[in-house]
Each structure stands twice: as C-alpha cells, then as structure tokens.
Amino acid sequence: MRIAIPAEDNRGLESNVSGHFGRAKYFVFVDIEDNEIKGHEVVEVPFEEHGPGDLPGFVKEHGGEVVLAYGMGRKALSYFNDFGIAVVTGAYGPIKDIVKAFIEQVLEVDPNWREKIEHEKKHRGNCEKRE
C-alpha cells in the first residue's frame, strides 16, 4: 500500500502533516508492506498554483492509494473518490507517528478540522491559493 501525506516541509517521515492539503509544497509517499514502513519518498508539488483535480491527479500519478491529511476541500475529496483513493481527514502531527497509528488502526483525528479551517480562512483569506 502507498500512503500519501501532505507535508509542511521536505524532511520526510520527520515532517509534520500540512494543515491544509491544497497548500502543501511537499508530499511524503510512504510504502507499507506487511504492516511495516518499507520506504518513503518526498516529492515536491510541481506547480505553484493548481486547479480542481490537479493535486488528486498528482497523488494518483505517484501511486497513492490512501491519503492522510488534516484538511481538504470537498472538490478534492470528490476527485479522490472518483479515483478510488481512500482519504482520512483530521490527521495531524509527525508523519511517522500518524502512519504508524494508521497501520495499527489507532489513528486519532481531529473531528473539528473543517470548522478550524473555516475560521482560519476568515482571518487569512481564500484557502484555494498556496502561500
């Protein structure tokens, strides 16, 4: 299985999950076999600005089968659904920790992520553009 996680930086498993899927400049793709992390790859997002479906297409091109993210818009969720890629939202913290928790089926997520992002949008502006 290949898990895709939007990251705050390019430190791989030591990175934290990006607070919003659409703003991530890097993704960490983690390869899981026999319930163990077998490897990972950090990939820089290849575009400064993106349109609907660009990031889900990027994840699909890199073999992502599951996405672990904190926040994500409804359009992106819809594209992933169309691609048959599972999405878990509300995931936060160090990537290595959330992947291990996901494997062990004990991943705790923030059920209020959507409200927090909506609140942030009101104070920062449109979340569709990357910083």
Protein backbone atom coordinates (compact mmCIF):
# COMPACT_ATOMS: atom_id res chain seq x y z
CA MET A 1 0.00 0.00 0.00
CA ARG A 2 1.21 3.54 -0.74
CA ILE A 3 0.09 6.33 1.57
CA ALA A 4 0.31 9.99 0.51
CA ILE A 5 0.62 12.71 3.15
CA PRO A 6 0.85 16.45 2.51
CA ALA A 7 3.85 17.74 4.46
CA GLU A 8 4.88 21.07 5.98
CA ASP A 9 8.43 20.63 4.68
CA ASN A 10 10.75 18.16 2.94
CA ARG A 11 12.02 16.23 5.99
CA GLY A 12 10.16 13.06 5.04
CA LEU A 13 8.91 10.98 7.96
CA GLU A 14 10.14 13.67 10.36
CA SER A 15 7.86 16.29 8.75
CA ASN A 16 4.52 17.26 10.21
CA VAL A 17 1.28 16.91 8.29
CA SER A 18 0.42 20.11 6.46
CA GLY A 19 -2.56 21.92 7.95
CA HIS A 20 -4.30 22.05 4.57
CA PHE A 21 -3.95 19.66 1.68
CA GLY A 22 -4.09 22.37 -1.01
CA ARG A 23 -1.28 24.43 0.49
CA ALA A 24 1.31 21.67 0.84
CA LYS A 25 4.53 22.20 -1.10
CA TYR A 26 5.67 18.62 -0.47
CA PHE A 27 4.07 15.20 -0.23
CA VAL A 28 5.55 12.21 1.54
CA PHE A 29 4.66 8.91 -0.10
CA VAL A 30 5.08 6.03 2.36
CA ASP A 31 5.27 2.43 1.20
CA ILE A 32 3.73 -0.13 3.57
CA GLU A 33 4.25 -3.89 3.35
CA ASP A 34 3.24 -6.43 5.99
CA ASN A 35 2.11 -3.59 8.28
CA GLU A 36 5.59 -2.02 8.27
CA ILE A 37 7.05 1.10 6.70
CA LYS A 38 9.31 -0.21 3.92
CA GLY A 39 10.30 3.11 2.44
CA HIS A 40 9.28 6.66 1.71
CA GLU A 41 9.74 9.33 -0.93
CA VAL A 42 9.43 13.11 -0.62
CA VAL A 43 8.04 14.73 -3.77
CA GLU A 44 7.80 18.47 -4.30
CA VAL A 45 4.47 19.63 -5.71
CA PRO A 46 5.28 20.58 -9.33
CA PHE A 47 3.01 23.60 -9.64
CA GLU A 48 2.74 26.91 -7.79
CA GLU A 49 -1.00 27.24 -8.32
CA HIS A 50 -3.40 24.43 -9.02
CA GLY A 51 -6.86 23.91 -10.36
CA PRO A 52 -9.53 21.43 -9.33
CA GLY A 53 -8.24 17.89 -9.62
CA ASP A 54 -4.56 18.79 -10.06
CA LEU A 55 -3.40 17.61 -6.63
CA PRO A 56 -5.53 14.44 -6.63
CA GLY A 57 -4.11 13.69 -10.10
CA PHE A 58 -0.59 14.30 -8.75
CA VAL A 59 -1.20 11.83 -5.90
CA LYS A 60 -2.65 9.28 -8.32
CA GLU A 61 0.36 9.64 -10.67
CA HIS A 62 2.66 8.84 -7.75
CA GLY A 63 0.75 5.69 -6.83
CA GLY A 64 -1.08 6.97 -3.76
CA GLU A 65 -3.78 4.56 -2.59
CA VAL A 66 -4.64 6.28 0.71
CA VAL A 67 -4.32 9.94 1.69
CA LEU A 68 -3.83 11.01 5.28
CA ALA A 69 -4.44 14.76 5.58
CA TYR A 70 -5.62 17.34 8.06
CA GLY A 71 -7.93 19.49 5.98
CA MET A 72 -9.18 19.05 2.44
CA GLY A 73 -11.81 20.70 0.27
CA ARG A 74 -14.91 18.94 -0.97
CA LYS A 75 -13.78 19.07 -4.61
CA ALA A 76 -10.53 17.28 -3.82
CA LEU A 77 -12.43 14.69 -1.79
CA SER A 78 -14.72 14.12 -4.76
CA TYR A 79 -11.79 13.62 -7.14
CA PHE A 80 -10.17 11.11 -4.80
CA ASN A 81 -13.47 9.27 -4.54
CA ASP A 82 -13.66 9.13 -8.35
CA PHE A 83 -10.08 7.79 -8.46
CA GLY A 84 -10.83 5.10 -5.85
CA ILE A 85 -8.30 6.60 -3.43
CA ALA A 86 -9.29 6.47 0.25
CA VAL A 87 -8.99 9.68 2.28
CA VAL A 88 -8.67 10.16 6.02
CA THR A 89 -9.04 13.78 7.16
CA GLY A 90 -8.25 15.29 10.53
CA ALA A 91 -4.81 13.62 10.75
CA TYR A 92 -2.18 15.79 12.43
CA GLY A 93 1.30 15.59 13.92
CA PRO A 94 4.54 13.96 12.81
CA ILE A 95 4.11 11.88 9.66
CA LYS A 96 5.98 8.89 11.05
CA ASP A 97 3.62 8.79 14.05
CA ILE A 98 0.40 9.09 12.07
CA VAL A 99 1.47 6.41 9.59
CA LYS A 100 2.29 4.01 12.44
CA ALA A 101 -1.04 4.79 14.12
CA PHE A 102 -2.86 4.24 10.81
CA ILE A 103 -1.15 0.86 10.35
CA GLU A 104 -2.07 -0.13 13.92
CA GLN A 105 -5.64 1.17 13.37
CA VAL A 106 -5.38 3.57 16.31
CA LEU A 107 -5.09 6.85 14.40
CA GLU A 108 -6.78 9.69 16.28
CA VAL A 109 -8.10 12.50 14.10
CA ASP A 110 -9.39 15.98 14.84
CA PRO A 111 -13.15 15.81 14.21
CA ASN A 112 -13.34 19.62 14.14
CA TRP A 113 -10.79 20.20 11.37
CA ARG A 114 -13.34 21.70 8.95
CA GLU A 115 -14.52 24.34 11.43
CA LYS A 116 -10.93 25.26 12.30
CA ILE A 117 -10.04 25.74 8.63
CA GLU A 118 -13.18 27.80 8.00
CA HIS A 119 -12.21 30.01 10.95
CA GLU A 120 -8.67 30.33 9.58
CA LYS A 121 -10.00 31.24 6.11
CA LYS A 122 -11.94 34.14 7.57
CA HIS A 123 -8.76 35.51 9.09
CA ARG A 124 -6.31 34.73 6.24
CA GLY A 125 -8.34 34.93 3.04
CA ASN A 126 -9.12 32.35 0.39
CA CYS A 127 -7.62 28.91 1.12
CA GLU A 128 -7.55 27.93 -2.55
CA LYS A 129 -4.24 29.73 -3.17
CA ARG A 130 -0.99 28.38 -1.83
CA GLU A 131 1.28 30.68 0.12
